[in-house]
Amino acid sequence: MPSAKRREAAPTATVVVIEDEEDIRNLVVWNLEAAGFDAYGAAGAGEGLALCALYRPDIVVIDRMLHGADGIDVLEQLRSDDELADVAVLVLSARGTFDDKLTGFDAGADDYVVKPFAVDELVGRVEALAALARARRVLRATPSDVREVVRAGR
């Protein structure tokens, strides 16, 4: 495993990693935790959806090819759930053709990373999604009549 420096600060976001390959799941969870995230791993679609319902994550990293399920179907379930519809989703997949990526984005993925992947790049993309998740939370919490520009002075 690559060495990652553990941060002492509070977690930046909560991440659920849905990946059926244990070694990859553990690698991703460990590196996300080392980068300061609260990260939880799930071995399959059902377990992943249960963790999402329990933790209400800011970000979900999901494998496209899960045993017995397509990660795209799980992504669509997340998007159809009122409580989880705004979660940032990164698809992590060995399927990397243009059409595969387009399918992921059409289903509502915010990012798509092809295996094999560089761990540092994956963590960087999750950090970018954490910023997106924070912005979505602010917009949800702000009443629509307050979302206009206010000018003071010149």
C-alpha atoms as a PDB file:
ATOM      1  CA  MET A   1       0.000   0.000   0.000  1.00  0.00           C
ATOM      2  CA  PRO A   2       1.191   3.511  -0.729  1.00  0.00           C
ATOM      3  CA  SER A   3       2.131   5.561   2.259  1.00  0.00           C
ATOM      4  CA  ALA A   4      -0.393   8.226   3.126  1.00  0.00           C
ATOM      5  CA  LYS A   5      -0.008  10.820   5.811  1.00  0.00           C
ATOM      6  CA  ARG A   6      -2.946  10.748   8.192  1.00  0.00           C
ATOM      7  CA  ARG A   7      -4.509  14.125   8.860  1.00  0.00           C
ATOM      8  CA  GLU A   8      -5.329  15.195  12.389  1.00  0.00           C
ATOM      9  CA  ALA A   9      -8.205  17.488  11.372  1.00  0.00           C
ATOM     10  CA  ALA A  10     -11.871  16.577  11.452  1.00  0.00           C
ATOM     11  CA  PRO A  11     -13.088  14.469   8.517  1.00  0.00           C
ATOM     12  CA  THR A  12     -13.722  16.501   5.391  1.00  0.00           C
ATOM     13  CA  ALA A  13     -16.616  14.323   4.219  1.00  0.00           C
ATOM     14  CA  THR A  14     -18.190  10.888   4.539  1.00  0.00           C
ATOM     15  CA  VAL A  15     -17.585   8.412   1.720  1.00  0.00           C
ATOM     16  CA  VAL A  16     -19.141   5.008   1.042  1.00  0.00           C
ATOM     17  CA  VAL A  17     -17.073   2.784  -1.255  1.00  0.00           C
ATOM     18  CA  ILE A  18     -19.089   0.043  -2.976  1.00  0.00           C
ATOM     19  CA  GLU A  19     -16.526  -2.342  -4.456  1.00  0.00           C
ATOM     20  CA  ASP A  20     -16.746  -6.143  -4.554  1.00  0.00           C
ATOM     21  CA  GLU A  21     -12.989  -6.708  -4.924  1.00  0.00           C
ATOM     22  CA  GLU A  22     -11.798  -6.715  -1.315  1.00  0.00           C
ATOM     23  CA  ASP A  23      -8.217  -5.616  -2.041  1.00  0.00           C
ATOM     24  CA  ILE A  24      -9.348  -2.621  -4.076  1.00  0.00           C
ATOM     25  CA  ARG A  25     -12.062  -1.724  -1.540  1.00  0.00           C
ATOM     26  CA  ASN A  26      -9.573  -1.835   1.338  1.00  0.00           C
ATOM     27  CA  LEU A  27      -6.989   0.172  -0.615  1.00  0.00           C
ATOM     28  CA  VAL A  28      -9.499   2.906  -1.461  1.00  0.00           C
ATOM     29  CA  VAL A  29     -11.001   3.076   2.050  1.00  0.00           C
ATOM     30  CA  TRP A  30      -7.572   3.153   3.697  1.00  0.00           C
ATOM     31  CA  ASN A  31      -6.298   5.944   1.451  1.00  0.00           C
ATOM     32  CA  LEU A  32      -9.464   8.003   1.847  1.00  0.00           C
ATOM     33  CA  GLU A  33      -9.224   7.668   5.633  1.00  0.00           C
ATOM     34  CA  ALA A  34      -5.558   8.670   5.452  1.00  0.00           C
ATOM     35  CA  ALA A  35      -6.623  11.753   3.472  1.00  0.00           C
ATOM     36  CA  GLY A  36      -9.041  12.755   6.242  1.00  0.00           C
ATOM     37  CA  PHE A  37     -12.340  11.252   5.107  1.00  0.00           C
ATOM     38  CA  ASP A  38     -14.728   9.067   7.082  1.00  0.00           C
ATOM     39  CA  ALA A  39     -14.782   6.106   4.691  1.00  0.00           C
ATOM     40  CA  TYR A  40     -16.845   2.917   4.829  1.00  0.00           C
ATOM     41  CA  GLY A  41     -16.551  -0.074   2.514  1.00  0.00           C
ATOM     42  CA  ALA A  42     -19.298  -2.290   1.167  1.00  0.00           C
ATOM     43  CA  ALA A  43     -18.804  -5.535  -0.737  1.00  0.00           C
ATOM     44  CA  GLY A  44     -22.002  -5.341  -2.774  1.00  0.00           C
ATOM     45  CA  ALA A  45     -25.004  -3.348  -3.884  1.00  0.00           C
ATOM     46  CA  GLY A  46     -27.313  -4.242  -0.997  1.00  0.00           C
ATOM     47  CA  GLU A  47     -24.690  -3.576   1.660  1.00  0.00           C
ATOM     48  CA  GLY A  48     -23.693  -0.354  -0.080  1.00  0.00           C
ATOM     49  CA  LEU A  49     -27.247   0.976  -0.211  1.00  0.00           C
ATOM     50  CA  ALA A  50     -27.702   0.057   3.462  1.00  0.00           C
ATOM     51  CA  LEU A  51     -24.523   1.985   4.396  1.00  0.00           C
ATOM     52  CA  CYS A  52     -25.751   4.949   2.346  1.00  0.00           C
ATOM     53  CA  ALA A  53     -29.075   4.908   4.209  1.00  0.00           C
ATOM     54  CA  LEU A  54     -27.244   4.671   7.538  1.00  0.00           C
ATOM     55  CA  TYR A  55     -24.464   7.250   7.040  1.00  0.00           C
ATOM     56  CA  ARG A  56     -26.004   9.613   4.452  1.00  0.00           C
ATOM     57  CA  PRO A  57     -22.593  10.029   2.777  1.00  0.00           C
ATOM     58  CA  ASP A  58     -21.428  13.094   0.922  1.00  0.00           C
ATOM     59  CA  ILE A  59     -19.777  10.906  -1.725  1.00  0.00           C
ATOM     60  CA  VAL A  60     -20.253   7.374  -3.041  1.00  0.00           C
ATOM     61  CA  VAL A  61     -17.503   5.588  -4.966  1.00  0.00           C
ATOM     62  CA  ILE A  62     -19.089   2.682  -6.827  1.00  0.00           C
ATOM     63  CA  ASP A  63     -17.716  -0.092  -8.995  1.00  0.00           C
ATOM     64  CA  ARG A  64     -19.549  -0.479 -12.272  1.00  0.00           C
ATOM     65  CA  MET A  65     -19.348  -4.297 -12.275  1.00  0.00           C
ATOM     66  CA  LEU A  66     -20.481  -5.674  -8.928  1.00  0.00           C
ATOM     67  CA  HIS A  67     -21.199  -9.362  -8.376  1.00  0.00           C
ATOM     68  CA  GLY A  68     -24.870  -9.776  -9.230  1.00  0.00           C
ATOM     69  CA  ALA A  69     -25.508  -6.085  -9.893  1.00  0.00           C
ATOM     70  CA  ASP A  70     -24.587  -3.267 -12.214  1.00  0.00           C
ATOM     71  CA  GLY A  71     -23.223  -0.215 -10.422  1.00  0.00           C
ATOM     72  CA  ILE A  72     -25.271   1.922 -12.823  1.00  0.00           C
ATOM     73  CA  ASP A  73     -28.459   0.365 -11.412  1.00  0.00           C
ATOM     74  CA  VAL A  74     -27.265   1.223  -7.900  1.00  0.00           C
ATOM     75  CA  LEU A  75     -26.467   4.759  -9.038  1.00  0.00           C
ATOM     76  CA  GLU A  76     -29.984   5.110 -10.441  1.00  0.00           C
ATOM     77  CA  GLN A  77     -31.408   3.885  -7.116  1.00  0.00           C
ATOM     78  CA  LEU A  78     -29.394   6.567  -5.303  1.00  0.00           C
ATOM     79  CA  ARG A  79     -30.656   9.249  -7.691  1.00  0.00           C
ATOM     80  CA  SER A  80     -34.277   8.149  -7.194  1.00  0.00           C
ATOM     81  CA  ASP A  81     -34.023   8.304  -3.368  1.00  0.00           C
ATOM     82  CA  ASP A  82     -35.054  11.762  -2.102  1.00  0.00           C
ATOM     83  CA  GLU A  83     -32.592  11.529   0.811  1.00  0.00           C
ATOM     84  CA  LEU A  84     -29.629  10.493  -1.368  1.00  0.00           C
ATOM     85  CA  ALA A  85     -30.402  12.097  -4.733  1.00  0.00           C
ATOM     86  CA  ASP A  86     -27.797  14.847  -4.295  1.00  0.00           C
ATOM     87  CA  VAL A  87     -24.919  12.637  -3.135  1.00  0.00           C
ATOM     88  CA  ALA A  88     -21.807  13.043  -5.286  1.00  0.00           C
ATOM     89  CA  VAL A  89     -21.036   9.798  -7.132  1.00  0.00           C
ATOM     90  CA  LEU A  90     -17.764   8.617  -8.640  1.00  0.00           C
ATOM     91  CA  VAL A  91     -17.920   5.488 -10.776  1.00  0.00           C
ATOM     92  CA  LEU A  92     -14.777   3.340 -10.540  1.00  0.00           C
ATOM     93  CA  SER A  93     -14.695   0.757 -13.305  1.00  0.00           C
ATOM     94  CA  ALA A  94     -12.606  -1.442 -15.559  1.00  0.00           C
ATOM     95  CA  ARG A  95     -15.117  -0.530 -18.268  1.00  0.00           C
ATOM     96  CA  GLY A  96     -13.515   2.502 -19.836  1.00  0.00           C
ATOM     97  CA  THR A  97     -14.831   3.008 -23.347  1.00  0.00           C
ATOM     98  CA  PHE A  98     -16.400   6.305 -24.317  1.00  0.00           C
ATOM     99  CA  ASP A  99     -19.852   4.636 -24.310  1.00  0.00           C
ATOM    100  CA  ASP A 100     -19.247   3.170 -20.834  1.00  0.00           C
ATOM    101  CA  LYS A 101     -18.367   6.596 -19.462  1.00  0.00           C
ATOM    102  CA  LEU A 102     -21.297   8.223 -21.232  1.00  0.00           C
ATOM    103  CA  THR A 103     -23.639   5.633 -19.709  1.00  0.00           C
ATOM    104  CA  GLY A 104     -22.289   6.501 -16.266  1.00  0.00           C
ATOM    105  CA  PHE A 105     -22.699  10.226 -16.762  1.00  0.00           C
ATOM    106  CA  ASP A 106     -26.174   9.778 -18.267  1.00  0.00           C
ATOM    107  CA  ALA A 107     -27.175   7.832 -15.140  1.00  0.00           C
ATOM    108  CA  GLY A 108     -26.043  10.737 -12.958  1.00  0.00           C
ATOM    109  CA  ALA A 109     -22.385  10.083 -12.131  1.00  0.00           C
ATOM    110  CA  ASP A 110     -20.381  13.159 -11.219  1.00  0.00           C
ATOM    111  CA  ASP A 111     -17.047  11.573 -12.167  1.00  0.00           C
ATOM    112  CA  TYR A 112     -15.752   8.370 -13.736  1.00  0.00           C
ATOM    113  CA  VAL A 113     -12.341   6.772 -13.092  1.00  0.00           C
ATOM    114  CA  VAL A 114     -11.074   3.803 -15.089  1.00  0.00           C
ATOM    115  CA  LYS A 115      -9.173   0.894 -13.507  1.00  0.00           C
ATOM    116  CA  PRO A 116      -6.285   0.537 -13.162  1.00  0.00           C
ATOM    117  CA  PHE A 117      -6.083   3.912 -11.452  1.00  0.00           C
ATOM    118  CA  ALA A 118      -3.583   6.023  -9.557  1.00  0.00           C
ATOM    119  CA  VAL A 119      -4.614   6.207  -5.901  1.00  0.00           C
ATOM    120  CA  ASP A 120      -3.501   9.844  -5.606  1.00  0.00           C
ATOM    121  CA  GLU A 121      -5.676  10.794  -8.577  1.00  0.00           C
ATOM    122  CA  LEU A 122      -8.668   8.988  -7.105  1.00  0.00           C
ATOM    123  CA  VAL A 123      -8.215  10.743  -3.752  1.00  0.00           C
ATOM    124  CA  GLY A 124      -7.867  14.079  -5.556  1.00  0.00           C
ATOM    125  CA  ARG A 125     -11.085  13.501  -7.448  1.00  0.00           C
ATOM    126  CA  VAL A 126     -12.885  12.555  -4.229  1.00  0.00           C
ATOM    127  CA  GLU A 127     -11.561  15.770  -2.652  1.00  0.00           C
ATOM    128  CA  ALA A 128     -13.005  17.733  -5.591  1.00  0.00           C
ATOM    129  CA  LEU A 129     -16.339  15.942  -5.134  1.00  0.00           C
ATOM    130  CA  ALA A 130     -16.260  16.815  -1.424  1.00  0.00           C
ATOM    131  CA  ALA A 131     -16.184  20.490  -2.398  1.00  0.00           C
ATOM    132  CA  LEU A 132     -19.115  19.861  -4.736  1.00  0.00           C
ATOM    133  CA  ALA A 133     -21.012  18.088  -1.949  1.00  0.00           C
ATOM    134  CA  ARG A 134     -20.455  21.041   0.410  1.00  0.00           C
ATOM    135  CA  ALA A 135     -21.795  23.444  -2.231  1.00  0.00           C
ATOM    136  CA  ARG A 136     -24.880  21.262  -2.767  1.00  0.00           C
ATOM    137  CA  ARG A 137     -25.550  21.237   1.002  1.00  0.00           C
ATOM    138  CA  VAL A 138     -25.352  25.025   1.153  1.00  0.00           C
ATOM    139  CA  LEU A 139     -27.770  25.374  -1.759  1.00  0.00           C
ATOM    140  CA  ARG A 140     -30.222  22.915  -0.192  1.00  0.00           C
ATOM    141  CA  ALA A 141     -30.086  24.762   3.137  1.00  0.00           C
ATOM    142  CA  THR A 142     -30.529  28.201   1.576  1.00  0.00           C
ATOM    143  CA  PRO A 143     -34.135  29.258   0.922  1.00  0.00           C
ATOM    144  CA  SER A 144     -34.678  29.996  -2.770  1.00  0.00           C
ATOM    145  CA  ASP A 145     -35.711  33.597  -2.056  1.00  0.00           C
ATOM    146  CA  VAL A 146     -32.293  34.245  -0.442  1.00  0.00           C
ATOM    147  CA  ARG A 147     -30.266  32.892  -3.374  1.00  0.00           C
ATOM    148  CA  GLU A 148     -29.998  36.198  -5.172  1.00  0.00           C
ATOM    149  CA  VAL A 149     -27.044  38.520  -5.387  1.00  0.00           C
ATOM    150  CA  VAL A 150     -27.007  41.352  -2.874  1.00  0.00           C
ATOM    151  CA  ARG A 151     -24.752  44.353  -3.523  1.00  0.00           C
ATOM    152  CA  ALA A 152     -23.522  46.701  -0.844  1.00  0.00           C
ATOM    153  CA  GLY A 153     -21.649  49.884  -1.613  1.00  0.00           C
ATOM    154  CA  ARG A 154     -20.053  50.310  -4.995  1.00  0.00           C
END
